[in-house]
Protein backbone atom coordinates (compact mmCIF):
# COMPACT_ATOMS: atom_id res chain seq x y z
CA UNK A 1 10.96 -3.54 16.57
CA UNK A 2 10.02 -3.34 12.89
CA UNK A 3 8.16 -0.45 11.25
CA UNK A 4 6.60 -0.35 7.79
CA UNK A 5 4.89 2.53 5.99
CA UNK A 6 2.53 1.38 3.26
CA UNK A 7 2.20 3.64 0.23
CA UNK A 8 -1.31 3.32 -1.21
CA UNK A 9 -1.61 3.73 -4.96
CA UNK A 10 -4.04 2.76 -7.69
CA UNK A 11 -1.67 3.48 -10.58
CA UNK A 12 2.01 3.30 -11.35
CA UNK A 13 4.09 5.94 -9.66
CA UNK A 14 7.75 6.31 -8.70
CA UNK A 15 8.07 5.05 -5.14
CA UNK A 16 10.72 5.86 -2.52
CA UNK A 17 13.70 3.53 -2.46
CA UNK A 18 13.83 3.51 1.36
CA UNK A 19 12.93 -0.01 2.59
CA UNK A 20 10.72 1.56 5.27
CA UNK A 21 8.16 2.23 2.49
CA UNK A 22 6.14 -0.61 0.94
CA UNK A 23 4.00 0.16 -2.15
CA UNK A 24 0.55 -1.45 -2.05
CA UNK A 25 -1.88 -1.44 -5.01
CA UNK A 26 -5.33 -0.56 -3.64
CA UNK A 27 -8.41 -2.01 -5.27
CA UNK A 28 -6.18 -4.60 -6.89
CA UNK A 29 -8.96 -7.20 -7.08
CA UNK A 30 -10.81 -4.97 -9.56
CA UNK A 31 -7.67 -3.99 -11.50
CA UNK A 32 -7.85 -4.35 -15.29
CA UNK A 33 -4.78 -6.62 -15.12
CA UNK A 34 -4.61 -8.09 -11.59
CA UNK A 35 -1.61 -10.31 -12.42
CA UNK A 36 0.64 -7.42 -13.45
CA UNK A 37 1.99 -5.94 -10.20
CA UNK A 38 5.21 -3.93 -10.47
CA UNK A 39 8.28 -5.51 -8.85
CA UNK A 40 8.31 -4.94 -5.10
CA UNK A 41 4.61 -3.99 -4.89
CA UNK A 42 1.91 -5.96 -3.11
CA UNK A 43 -1.79 -6.07 -3.89
CA UNK A 44 -4.43 -5.40 -1.27
CA UNK A 45 -6.28 -8.51 -2.50
CA UNK A 46 -4.11 -11.14 -0.83
CA UNK A 47 -4.58 -12.69 2.60
CA UNK A 48 -7.39 -11.26 4.72
CA UNK A 49 -8.62 -8.28 2.69
CA UNK A 50 -11.46 -5.96 1.65
CA UNK A 51 -10.03 -5.07 -1.77
CA UNK A 52 -13.46 -5.47 -3.44
CA UNK A 53 -14.73 -2.57 -1.30
CA UNK A 54 -12.09 -0.11 -2.52
CA UNK A 55 -14.65 1.99 -4.42
CA UNK A 56 -16.30 2.75 -1.06
CA UNK A 57 -13.30 2.82 1.28
CA UNK A 58 -10.46 4.08 -0.97
CA UNK A 59 -6.96 3.71 0.52
CA UNK A 60 -8.40 2.30 3.75
CA UNK A 61 -8.38 -1.09 1.99
CA UNK A 62 -4.57 -0.85 2.27
CA UNK A 63 -4.77 0.00 5.96
CA UNK A 64 -7.11 -2.97 6.54
CA UNK A 65 -4.69 -5.22 4.62
CA UNK A 66 -1.75 -4.01 6.72
CA UNK A 67 -3.70 -4.50 9.97
CA UNK A 68 -4.60 -8.08 9.09
CA UNK A 69 -1.50 -9.24 7.19
CA UNK A 70 1.59 -7.22 8.12
CA UNK A 71 4.12 -8.64 10.58
CA UNK A 72 5.51 -5.16 11.38
CA UNK A 73 5.18 -3.90 14.96
CA UNK A 74 4.38 -0.38 13.78
CA UNK A 75 2.46 0.35 10.57
CA UNK A 76 1.73 3.58 8.80
CA UNK A 77 -0.10 4.63 5.67
CA UNK A 78 0.61 7.39 3.18
CA UNK A 79 -0.94 8.13 -0.19
CA UNK A 80 1.28 8.24 -3.25
CA UNK A 81 3.04 11.61 -3.69
CA UNK A 82 2.61 12.36 0.03
CA UNK A 83 5.60 10.99 1.90
CA UNK A 84 7.05 11.82 5.29
CA UNK A 85 10.33 13.68 4.89
CA UNK A 86 13.09 15.18 7.00
CA UNK A 87 14.03 17.54 4.14
CA UNK A 88 13.01 21.10 4.98
CA UNK A 89 13.24 22.82 1.59
């Protein structure tokens, strides 16, 4: 069973190195430079998507993308800077 947690972002940010997390650029179809995705990131404007509706639906465009395009058995969504952690500091 494969799990994937998509990290929704609309700007560059340091992402976790854990392969469980997958950065996804939300609203990528309306990005000022849609061909310039950082290495390892995906855009929410590929495959079956609603990227053009990001101004109305925010990070839910990433969730829609994951629902329609991910091959993971379990998917999750977090917003950048808000990760799940086992560290109790």
